[in-house]
Amino acid sequence: MGLVLIKFYDSYIPHKKQLAQSTNISLNRTFNWDDLDLNQTKKAICGQSKCLFIDKLDPNIGYLIKTVNKILNTTASLTQQHKAFDQAQRLKVEYKIRHFLDGPPFIDKVPTSKIGDRMNSMINIVVAERTRNQPRYFENTNVIVQRNRMGPIPHALIGCQNVKKQQSIQSIEKLINNSIKPSDRMRFYEHFHDELNSTTKILQKEPLLVFDFQVMIDTNGRVYHLDFERMLRQDGTERLIKTPNSTRRDECQDHLKTLSEYIMRKKYILRL
């Protein structure tokens, strides 16, 4: 199985020095399929086209492995993920946001049917309360690989659309009640309140983040941004999507304001 050398593309040159200093990302990395822990009993964390597989030696590292989009060819899919990674890095430099992407994406091939079969056996997608396990990884087929840092466990997920919006408070409540000691809750409320306010200000300056807005919250109240491909068109043009109308942005900011007020009430009750 071959060894892949990962390098930044020239499009990152304006940010290279600053990124290397501020994100702790090495400009050269290596990847080997033997790095993947494919013997774990847990299922992989999967979306519609990507699964996250854990590093065998370092459980704090994982690899997002994406099958190529049916609409886009391999090169276009890779370019799109590079653009998304560039946006994530720009936002990290400009606004000090947190995210989990730990290197640029690259193309590789599933080396053997044995590895592909094991990866397929670990797929676990839950859609509308039904679990789907449809094979997607096959020997000698192109995939896009991207190194990630693992997210905090436990965590809460909040968003501005659909189920993520509806379940935001429920997700936060579950995190507080199950994972944060009473003596640590005031600190959580204070940090989370500050982070919500900062995030609202970022949305004002970066309205493309409103699309399918979703962030993860850890037990210290810190916010981590997810999925930057949502800022791009899905038609292979590599362009950013159009700026959303002010109504959509206002609705998302209002939702974050509601969550902030909810946290303030929790903080007030704790002080009584």
C-alpha atoms as a PDB file:
ATOM      1  CA  MET A   1       0.000   0.000   0.000  1.00  0.00           C
ATOM      2  CA  GLY A   2       1.462   3.304  -1.085  1.00  0.00           C
ATOM      3  CA  LEU A   3       2.472   6.274   0.969  1.00  0.00           C
ATOM      4  CA  VAL A   4       0.856   9.607   0.074  1.00  0.00           C
ATOM      5  CA  LEU A   5       2.652  12.901   0.636  1.00  0.00           C
ATOM      6  CA  ILE A   6       0.192  15.698   1.335  1.00  0.00           C
ATOM      7  CA  LYS A   7       1.155  19.242   0.374  1.00  0.00           C
ATOM      8  CA  PHE A   8      -0.655  22.592   0.426  1.00  0.00           C
ATOM      9  CA  TYR A   9      -1.610  23.924  -3.008  1.00  0.00           C
ATOM     10  CA  ASP A  10      -0.346  27.309  -4.159  1.00  0.00           C
ATOM     11  CA  SER A  11      -3.754  28.849  -3.424  1.00  0.00           C
ATOM     12  CA  TYR A  12      -2.817  28.762   0.256  1.00  0.00           C
ATOM     13  CA  ILE A  13       0.404  30.758  -0.138  1.00  0.00           C
ATOM     14  CA  PRO A  14      -1.093  34.065   1.137  1.00  0.00           C
ATOM     15  CA  HIS A  15      -2.031  32.323   4.377  1.00  0.00           C
ATOM     16  CA  LYS A  16       0.804  29.777   4.601  1.00  0.00           C
ATOM     17  CA  LYS A  17       3.039  31.413   7.165  1.00  0.00           C
ATOM     18  CA  GLN A  18       0.164  32.632   9.315  1.00  0.00           C
ATOM     19  CA  LEU A  19      -1.647  29.300   9.041  1.00  0.00           C
ATOM     20  CA  ALA A  20       1.416  27.354  10.070  1.00  0.00           C
ATOM     21  CA  GLN A  21       1.807  29.581  13.119  1.00  0.00           C
ATOM     22  CA  SER A  22      -1.835  29.802  14.142  1.00  0.00           C
ATOM     23  CA  THR A  23      -3.252  26.370  13.326  1.00  0.00           C
ATOM     24  CA  ASN A  24      -0.417  23.957  14.123  1.00  0.00           C
ATOM     25  CA  ILE A  25      -0.947  22.328  10.726  1.00  0.00           C
ATOM     26  CA  SER A  26       2.165  20.802   9.203  1.00  0.00           C
ATOM     27  CA  LEU A  27       2.625  21.779   5.565  1.00  0.00           C
ATOM     28  CA  ASN A  28       3.656  18.204   4.723  1.00  0.00           C
ATOM     29  CA  ARG A  29       1.960  15.051   6.022  1.00  0.00           C
ATOM     30  CA  THR A  30       1.956  11.404   5.107  1.00  0.00           C
ATOM     31  CA  PHE A  31      -0.948   8.977   4.898  1.00  0.00           C
ATOM     32  CA  ASN A  32      -0.987   5.203   4.738  1.00  0.00           C
ATOM     33  CA  TRP A  33      -4.080   3.011   4.585  1.00  0.00           C
ATOM     34  CA  ASP A  34      -2.582   0.970   7.393  1.00  0.00           C
ATOM     35  CA  ASP A  35      -3.136   4.038   9.609  1.00  0.00           C
ATOM     36  CA  LEU A  36      -6.883   3.359   9.686  1.00  0.00           C
ATOM     37  CA  ASP A  37      -8.372   1.434  12.579  1.00  0.00           C
ATOM     38  CA  LEU A  38     -10.638  -0.915  10.650  1.00  0.00           C
ATOM     39  CA  ASN A  39     -10.883  -3.496  13.418  1.00  0.00           C
ATOM     40  CA  GLN A  40     -12.780  -1.329  15.850  1.00  0.00           C
ATOM     41  CA  THR A  41     -16.158  -2.565  17.018  1.00  0.00           C
ATOM     42  CA  LYS A  42     -17.762   0.867  16.742  1.00  0.00           C
ATOM     43  CA  LYS A  43     -19.327   2.001  13.490  1.00  0.00           C
ATOM     44  CA  ALA A  44     -17.752   4.802  11.466  1.00  0.00           C
ATOM     45  CA  ILE A  45     -19.272   8.286  11.647  1.00  0.00           C
ATOM     46  CA  CYS A  46     -20.863   8.775   8.228  1.00  0.00           C
ATOM     47  CA  GLY A  47     -22.739  11.315   6.158  1.00  0.00           C
ATOM     48  CA  GLN A  48     -24.229  10.927   2.698  1.00  0.00           C
ATOM     49  CA  SER A  49     -20.849  10.733   0.949  1.00  0.00           C
ATOM     50  CA  LYS A  50     -18.187  10.753   3.690  1.00  0.00           C
ATOM     51  CA  CYS A  51     -17.176   8.540   6.583  1.00  0.00           C
ATOM     52  CA  LEU A  52     -14.729   9.340   9.369  1.00  0.00           C
ATOM     53  CA  PHE A  53     -12.318   6.542  10.243  1.00  0.00           C
ATOM     54  CA  ILE A  54     -10.125   6.705  13.349  1.00  0.00           C
ATOM     55  CA  ASP A  55      -6.335   6.604  13.275  1.00  0.00           C
ATOM     56  CA  LYS A  56      -5.056   3.286  14.610  1.00  0.00           C
ATOM     57  CA  LEU A  57      -2.311   4.821  16.778  1.00  0.00           C
ATOM     58  CA  ASP A  58      -3.881   8.160  17.702  1.00  0.00           C
ATOM     59  CA  PRO A  59      -7.606   8.167  18.560  1.00  0.00           C
ATOM     60  CA  ASN A  60      -7.558  11.970  18.484  1.00  0.00           C
ATOM     61  CA  ILE A  61      -7.023  11.852  14.716  1.00  0.00           C
ATOM     62  CA  GLY A  62      -9.379  10.607  12.020  1.00  0.00           C
ATOM     63  CA  TYR A  63      -9.609  10.606   8.237  1.00  0.00           C
ATOM     64  CA  LEU A  64     -12.668  11.763   6.316  1.00  0.00           C
ATOM     65  CA  ILE A  65     -12.909   9.526   3.262  1.00  0.00           C
ATOM     66  CA  LYS A  66     -15.319  10.734   0.608  1.00  0.00           C
ATOM     67  CA  THR A  67     -16.647   8.939  -2.433  1.00  0.00           C
ATOM     68  CA  VAL A  68     -16.738  11.085  -5.545  1.00  0.00           C
ATOM     69  CA  ASN A  69     -19.881  13.105  -6.161  1.00  0.00           C
ATOM     70  CA  LYS A  70     -21.996  11.781  -9.064  1.00  0.00           C
ATOM     71  CA  ILE A  71     -22.404  15.333 -10.379  1.00  0.00           C
ATOM     72  CA  LEU A  72     -18.708  16.218 -10.182  1.00  0.00           C
ATOM     73  CA  ASN A  73     -15.692  14.302 -11.444  1.00  0.00           C
ATOM     74  CA  THR A  74     -12.816  13.459  -9.115  1.00  0.00           C
ATOM     75  CA  THR A  75     -10.788  16.564  -9.940  1.00  0.00           C
ATOM     76  CA  ALA A  76     -13.769  18.894  -9.514  1.00  0.00           C
ATOM     77  CA  SER A  77     -14.700  17.224  -6.206  1.00  0.00           C
ATOM     78  CA  LEU A  78     -11.141  17.608  -4.940  1.00  0.00           C
ATOM     79  CA  THR A  79     -10.989  21.247  -6.009  1.00  0.00           C
ATOM     80  CA  GLN A  80     -14.253  21.930  -4.219  1.00  0.00           C
ATOM     81  CA  GLN A  81     -12.959  20.408  -0.995  1.00  0.00           C
ATOM     82  CA  HIS A  82      -9.765  22.437  -1.329  1.00  0.00           C
ATOM     83  CA  LYS A  83     -11.872  25.580  -1.662  1.00  0.00           C
ATOM     84  CA  ALA A  84     -13.845  24.590   1.434  1.00  0.00           C
ATOM     85  CA  PHE A  85     -10.621  23.956   3.344  1.00  0.00           C
ATOM     86  CA  ASP A  86      -9.328  27.348   2.222  1.00  0.00           C
ATOM     87  CA  GLN A  87     -12.482  28.988   3.595  1.00  0.00           C
ATOM     88  CA  ALA A  88     -12.080  27.163   6.903  1.00  0.00           C
ATOM     89  CA  GLN A  89      -8.477  28.305   7.213  1.00  0.00           C
ATOM     90  CA  ARG A  90      -9.304  31.883   6.266  1.00  0.00           C
ATOM     91  CA  LEU A  91     -12.041  32.038   8.900  1.00  0.00           C
ATOM     92  CA  LYS A  92      -9.674  30.563  11.482  1.00  0.00           C
ATOM     93  CA  VAL A  93      -7.079  33.223  10.761  1.00  0.00           C
ATOM     94  CA  GLU A  94      -9.499  36.146  10.520  1.00  0.00           C
ATOM     95  CA  TYR A  95     -11.944  35.290  13.307  1.00  0.00           C
ATOM     96  CA  LYS A  96     -10.118  32.682  15.404  1.00  0.00           C
ATOM     97  CA  ILE A  97     -12.883  30.133  14.838  1.00  0.00           C
ATOM     98  CA  ARG A  98     -12.306  26.472  15.725  1.00  0.00           C
ATOM     99  CA  HIS A  99     -12.742  23.599  13.294  1.00  0.00           C
ATOM    100  CA  PHE A 100     -11.483  20.031  12.949  1.00  0.00           C
ATOM    101  CA  LEU A 101      -9.888  19.989   9.487  1.00  0.00           C
ATOM    102  CA  ASP A 102      -6.223  19.138  10.014  1.00  0.00           C
ATOM    103  CA  GLY A 103      -4.879  19.247   6.469  1.00  0.00           C
ATOM    104  CA  PRO A 104      -5.855  19.698   2.827  1.00  0.00           C
ATOM    105  CA  PRO A 105      -7.722  16.924   0.956  1.00  0.00           C
ATOM    106  CA  PHE A 106      -6.063  14.644  -1.575  1.00  0.00           C
ATOM    107  CA  ILE A 107      -7.030  11.843  -3.971  1.00  0.00           C
ATOM    108  CA  ASP A 108      -6.150   8.224  -3.297  1.00  0.00           C
ATOM    109  CA  LYS A 109      -7.494   4.808  -4.315  1.00  0.00           C
ATOM    110  CA  VAL A 110      -8.934   2.123  -2.049  1.00  0.00           C
ATOM    111  CA  PRO A 111      -5.994  -0.308  -2.245  1.00  0.00           C
ATOM    112  CA  THR A 112      -7.661  -3.701  -1.736  1.00  0.00           C
ATOM    113  CA  SER A 113     -11.093  -5.280  -1.663  1.00  0.00           C
ATOM    114  CA  LYS A 114     -10.411  -6.427   1.900  1.00  0.00           C
ATOM    115  CA  ILE A 115      -9.972  -2.850   3.089  1.00  0.00           C
ATOM    116  CA  GLY A 116     -13.000  -1.700   1.071  1.00  0.00           C
ATOM    117  CA  ASP A 117     -15.181  -4.462   2.496  1.00  0.00           C
ATOM    118  CA  ARG A 118     -14.120  -3.657   6.055  1.00  0.00           C
ATOM    119  CA  MET A 119     -14.831   0.039   5.542  1.00  0.00           C
ATOM    120  CA  ASN A 120     -18.253  -0.763   4.060  1.00  0.00           C
ATOM    121  CA  SER A 121     -19.100  -2.953   7.057  1.00  0.00           C
ATOM    122  CA  MET A 122     -18.530   0.055   9.324  1.00  0.00           C
ATOM    123  CA  ILE A 123     -20.872   2.448   7.476  1.00  0.00           C
ATOM    124  CA  ASN A 124     -23.723   3.647   9.662  1.00  0.00           C
ATOM    125  CA  ILE A 125     -26.062   6.360   8.357  1.00  0.00           C
ATOM    126  CA  VAL A 126     -29.229   7.158  10.250  1.00  0.00           C
ATOM    127  CA  VAL A 127     -31.860   8.897   8.106  1.00  0.00           C
ATOM    128  CA  ALA A 128     -35.422   9.408   9.337  1.00  0.00           C
ATOM    129  CA  GLU A 129     -34.767   6.945  12.163  1.00  0.00           C
ATOM    130  CA  ARG A 130     -33.687   4.243   9.691  1.00  0.00           C
ATOM    131  CA  THR A 131     -30.139   2.959   9.447  1.00  0.00           C
ATOM    132  CA  ARG A 132     -28.627   2.510   5.989  1.00  0.00           C
ATOM    133  CA  ASN A 133     -25.476   0.571   5.205  1.00  0.00           C
ATOM    134  CA  GLN A 134     -24.955   0.780   1.454  1.00  0.00           C
ATOM    135  CA  PRO A 135     -21.430  -0.155   0.245  1.00  0.00           C
ATOM    136  CA  ARG A 136     -19.473   2.750  -1.221  1.00  0.00           C
ATOM    137  CA  TYR A 137     -15.787   1.809  -0.994  1.00  0.00           C
ATOM    138  CA  PHE A 138     -14.425  -0.525  -3.683  1.00  0.00           C
ATOM    139  CA  GLU A 139     -10.943  -1.653  -4.659  1.00  0.00           C
ATOM    140  CA  ASN A 140      -9.018   0.717  -6.952  1.00  0.00           C
ATOM    141  CA  THR A 141     -11.740   3.389  -6.943  1.00  0.00           C
ATOM    142  CA  ASN A 142     -10.893   7.035  -6.319  1.00  0.00           C
ATOM    143  CA  VAL A 143     -11.724   8.573  -2.963  1.00  0.00           C
ATOM    144  CA  ILE A 144     -10.887  11.929  -1.394  1.00  0.00           C
ATOM    145  CA  VAL A 145      -9.111  11.737   1.947  1.00  0.00           C
ATOM    146  CA  GLN A 146      -8.746  14.521   4.523  1.00  0.00           C
ATOM    147  CA  ARG A 147      -7.124  14.352   7.934  1.00  0.00           C
ATOM    148  CA  ASN A 148      -9.256  15.618  10.843  1.00  0.00           C
ATOM    149  CA  ARG A 149      -8.930  16.115  14.544  1.00  0.00           C
ATOM    150  CA  MET A 150     -11.643  14.288  16.441  1.00  0.00           C
ATOM    151  CA  GLY A 151     -14.415  16.336  17.992  1.00  0.00           C
ATOM    152  CA  PRO A 152     -14.995  16.534  21.740  1.00  0.00           C
ATOM    153  CA  ILE A 153     -16.971  13.783  23.433  1.00  0.00           C
ATOM    154  CA  PRO A 154     -19.479  14.513  24.838  1.00  0.00           C
ATOM    155  CA  HIS A 155     -20.801  17.495  22.892  1.00  0.00           C
ATOM    156  CA  ALA A 156     -23.964  19.290  21.829  1.00  0.00           C
ATOM    157  CA  LEU A 157     -24.983  20.152  18.266  1.00  0.00           C
ATOM    158  CA  ILE A 158     -26.908  23.283  17.355  1.00  0.00           C
ATOM    159  CA  GLY A 159     -28.037  24.646  14.013  1.00  0.00           C
ATOM    160  CA  CYS A 160     -30.370  27.122  12.372  1.00  0.00           C
ATOM    161  CA  GLN A 161     -32.415  24.858  10.106  1.00  0.00           C
ATOM    162  CA  ASN A 162     -34.834  21.989  10.484  1.00  0.00           C
ATOM    163  CA  VAL A 163     -34.095  19.312  13.100  1.00  0.00           C
ATOM    164  CA  LYS A 164     -30.836  20.874  14.265  1.00  0.00           C
ATOM    165  CA  LYS A 165     -32.708  24.071  15.082  1.00  0.00           C
ATOM    166  CA  GLN A 166     -35.617  22.292  16.731  1.00  0.00           C
ATOM    167  CA  GLN A 167     -33.362  20.166  18.911  1.00  0.00           C
ATOM    168  CA  SER A 168     -30.757  22.807  19.835  1.00  0.00           C
ATOM    169  CA  ILE A 169     -31.971  23.416  23.376  1.00  0.00           C
ATOM    170  CA  GLN A 170     -32.611  19.704  23.922  1.00  0.00           C
ATOM    171  CA  SER A 171     -29.040  18.938  22.842  1.00  0.00           C
ATOM    172  CA  ILE A 172     -27.611  21.604  25.156  1.00  0.00           C
ATOM    173  CA  GLU A 173     -29.754  20.401  28.074  1.00  0.00           C
ATOM    174  CA  LYS A 174     -28.552  16.844  27.571  1.00  0.00           C
ATOM    175  CA  LEU A 175     -24.926  17.987  27.602  1.00  0.00           C
ATOM    176  CA  ILE A 176     -25.422  20.031  30.766  1.00  0.00           C
ATOM    177  CA  ASN A 177     -27.389  17.423  32.695  1.00  0.00           C
ATOM    178  CA  ASN A 178     -25.319  14.393  31.717  1.00  0.00           C
ATOM    179  CA  SER A 179     -21.798  15.716  31.367  1.00  0.00           C
ATOM    180  CA  ILE A 180     -21.200  18.959  33.259  1.00  0.00           C
ATOM    181  CA  LYS A 181     -20.875  18.905  37.028  1.00  0.00           C
ATOM    182  CA  PRO A 182     -22.980  21.507  38.898  1.00  0.00           C
ATOM    183  CA  SER A 183     -19.792  23.173  40.126  1.00  0.00           C
ATOM    184  CA  ASP A 184     -18.646  23.690  36.508  1.00  0.00           C
ATOM    185  CA  ARG A 185     -21.915  24.922  35.019  1.00  0.00           C
ATOM    186  CA  MET A 186     -21.471  28.626  35.730  1.00  0.00           C
ATOM    187  CA  ARG A 187     -18.198  28.604  33.815  1.00  0.00           C
ATOM    188  CA  PHE A 188     -19.895  26.741  30.961  1.00  0.00           C
ATOM    189  CA  TYR A 189     -22.732  29.289  30.827  1.00  0.00           C
ATOM    190  CA  GLU A 190     -20.331  32.239  30.782  1.00  0.00           C
ATOM    191  CA  HIS A 191     -18.083  30.799  28.082  1.00  0.00           C
ATOM    192  CA  PHE A 192     -20.944  29.587  25.916  1.00  0.00           C
ATOM    193  CA  HIS A 193     -22.750  32.930  26.176  1.00  0.00           C
ATOM    194  CA  ASP A 194     -19.613  34.763  25.010  1.00  0.00           C
ATOM    195  CA  GLU A 195     -19.089  32.299  22.164  1.00  0.00           C
ATOM    196  CA  LEU A 196     -22.695  32.664  20.983  1.00  0.00           C
ATOM    197  CA  ASN A 197     -22.290  36.426  20.861  1.00  0.00           C
ATOM    198  CA  SER A 198     -19.031  36.115  18.907  1.00  0.00           C
ATOM    199  CA  THR A 199     -20.609  33.656  16.486  1.00  0.00           C
ATOM    200  CA  THR A 200     -23.547  35.987  15.866  1.00  0.00           C
ATOM    201  CA  LYS A 201     -21.112  38.778  14.968  1.00  0.00           C
ATOM    202  CA  ILE A 202     -19.254  36.461  12.570  1.00  0.00           C
ATOM    203  CA  LEU A 203     -22.520  35.631  10.779  1.00  0.00           C
ATOM    204  CA  GLN A 204     -23.067  39.327  10.252  1.00  0.00           C
ATOM    205  CA  LYS A 205     -19.702  39.587   8.473  1.00  0.00           C
ATOM    206  CA  GLU A 206     -19.729  36.129   6.854  1.00  0.00           C
ATOM    207  CA  PRO A 207     -23.357  35.511   5.785  1.00  0.00           C
ATOM    208  CA  LEU A 208     -22.480  32.395   3.733  1.00  0.00           C
ATOM    209  CA  LEU A 209     -22.050  30.544   7.029  1.00  0.00           C
ATOM    210  CA  VAL A 210     -25.812  30.834   7.481  1.00  0.00           C
ATOM    211  CA  PHE A 211     -26.418  28.052   4.940  1.00  0.00           C
ATOM    212  CA  ASP A 212     -27.059  24.855   6.897  1.00  0.00           C
ATOM    213  CA  PHE A 213     -25.374  26.532   9.875  1.00  0.00           C
ATOM    214  CA  GLN A 214     -24.197  23.953  12.397  1.00  0.00           C
ATOM    215  CA  VAL A 215     -21.702  24.034  15.233  1.00  0.00           C
ATOM    216  CA  MET A 216     -20.568  21.693  17.994  1.00  0.00           C
ATOM    217  CA  ILE A 217     -20.344  22.723  21.654  1.00  0.00           C
ATOM    218  CA  ASP A 218     -17.962  21.130  24.165  1.00  0.00           C
ATOM    219  CA  THR A 219     -18.299  20.924  27.953  1.00  0.00           C
ATOM    220  CA  ASN A 220     -16.318  24.165  28.341  1.00  0.00           C
ATOM    221  CA  GLY A 221     -18.810  26.102  26.210  1.00  0.00           C
ATOM    222  CA  ARG A 222     -16.468  26.367  23.243  1.00  0.00           C
ATOM    223  CA  VAL A 223     -17.903  26.438  19.702  1.00  0.00           C
ATOM    224  CA  TYR A 224     -16.522  24.414  16.772  1.00  0.00           C
ATOM    225  CA  HIS A 225     -17.664  25.092  13.206  1.00  0.00           C
ATOM    226  CA  LEU A 226     -18.571  22.211  10.880  1.00  0.00           C
ATOM    227  CA  ASP A 227     -18.795  21.560   7.122  1.00  0.00           C
ATOM    228  CA  PHE A 228     -17.458  24.400   4.993  1.00  0.00           C
ATOM    229  CA  GLU A 229     -18.496  22.871   1.658  1.00  0.00           C
ATOM    230  CA  ARG A 230     -21.939  24.333   2.340  1.00  0.00           C
ATOM    231  CA  MET A 231     -20.431  27.745   1.449  1.00  0.00           C
ATOM    232  CA  LEU A 232     -19.795  26.571  -2.131  1.00  0.00           C
ATOM    233  CA  ARG A 233     -21.970  25.868  -5.143  1.00  0.00           C
ATOM    234  CA  GLN A 234     -22.530  22.149  -5.738  1.00  0.00           C
ATOM    235  CA  ASP A 235     -22.368  22.424  -9.542  1.00  0.00           C
ATOM    236  CA  GLY A 236     -18.625  22.068 -10.080  1.00  0.00           C
ATOM    237  CA  THR A 237     -18.033  25.788 -10.692  1.00  0.00           C
ATOM    238  CA  GLU A 238     -15.936  26.093  -7.499  1.00  0.00           C
ATOM    239  CA  ARG A 239     -17.649  29.389  -6.740  1.00  0.00           C
ATOM    240  CA  LEU A 240     -19.099  30.546  -3.463  1.00  0.00           C
ATOM    241  CA  ILE A 241     -22.871  30.371  -3.252  1.00  0.00           C
ATOM    242  CA  LYS A 242     -24.851  33.577  -3.505  1.00  0.00           C
ATOM    243  CA  THR A 243     -25.151  35.645  -0.378  1.00  0.00           C
ATOM    244  CA  PRO A 244     -28.397  34.670   1.383  1.00  0.00           C
ATOM    245  CA  ASN A 245     -31.137  37.191   1.767  1.00  0.00           C
ATOM    246  CA  SER A 246     -31.170  39.128   5.009  1.00  0.00           C
ATOM    247  CA  THR A 247     -34.243  37.255   6.240  1.00  0.00           C
ATOM    248  CA  ARG A 248     -32.406  33.933   6.421  1.00  0.00           C
ATOM    249  CA  ARG A 249     -29.443  35.526   8.172  1.00  0.00           C
ATOM    250  CA  ASP A 250     -31.714  37.372  10.602  1.00  0.00           C
ATOM    251  CA  GLU A 251     -33.572  34.152  11.429  1.00  0.00           C
ATOM    252  CA  CYS A 252     -30.312  32.388  12.256  1.00  0.00           C
ATOM    253  CA  GLN A 253     -29.066  35.286  14.345  1.00  0.00           C
ATOM    254  CA  ASP A 254     -32.411  35.411  16.149  1.00  0.00           C
ATOM    255  CA  HIS A 255     -32.088  31.706  16.919  1.00  0.00           C
ATOM    256  CA  LEU A 256     -28.618  32.236  18.386  1.00  0.00           C
ATOM    257  CA  LYS A 257     -30.011  35.163  20.384  1.00  0.00           C
ATOM    258  CA  THR A 258     -32.755  32.860  21.739  1.00  0.00           C
ATOM    259  CA  LEU A 259     -30.107  30.338  22.792  1.00  0.00           C
ATOM    260  CA  SER A 260     -28.089  33.119  24.415  1.00  0.00           C
ATOM    261  CA  GLU A 261     -31.129  34.270  26.406  1.00  0.00           C
ATOM    262  CA  TYR A 262     -31.792  30.668  27.418  1.00  0.00           C
ATOM    263  CA  ILE A 263     -28.231  30.385  28.740  1.00  0.00           C
ATOM    264  CA  MET A 264     -28.593  33.675  30.603  1.00  0.00           C
ATOM    265  CA  ARG A 265     -31.730  32.353  32.323  1.00  0.00           C
ATOM    266  CA  LYS A 266     -29.872  29.177  33.310  1.00  0.00           C
ATOM    267  CA  LYS A 267     -27.078  31.332  34.669  1.00  0.00           C
ATOM    268  CA  TYR A 268     -29.521  33.499  36.655  1.00  0.00           C
ATOM    269  CA  ILE A 269     -31.282  30.452  38.171  1.00  0.00           C
ATOM    270  CA  LEU A 270     -27.956  28.970  39.199  1.00  0.00           C
ATOM    271  CA  ARG A 271     -27.120  32.140  41.114  1.00  0.00           C
ATOM    272  CA  LEU A 272     -30.354  32.075  43.130  1.00  0.00           C
END
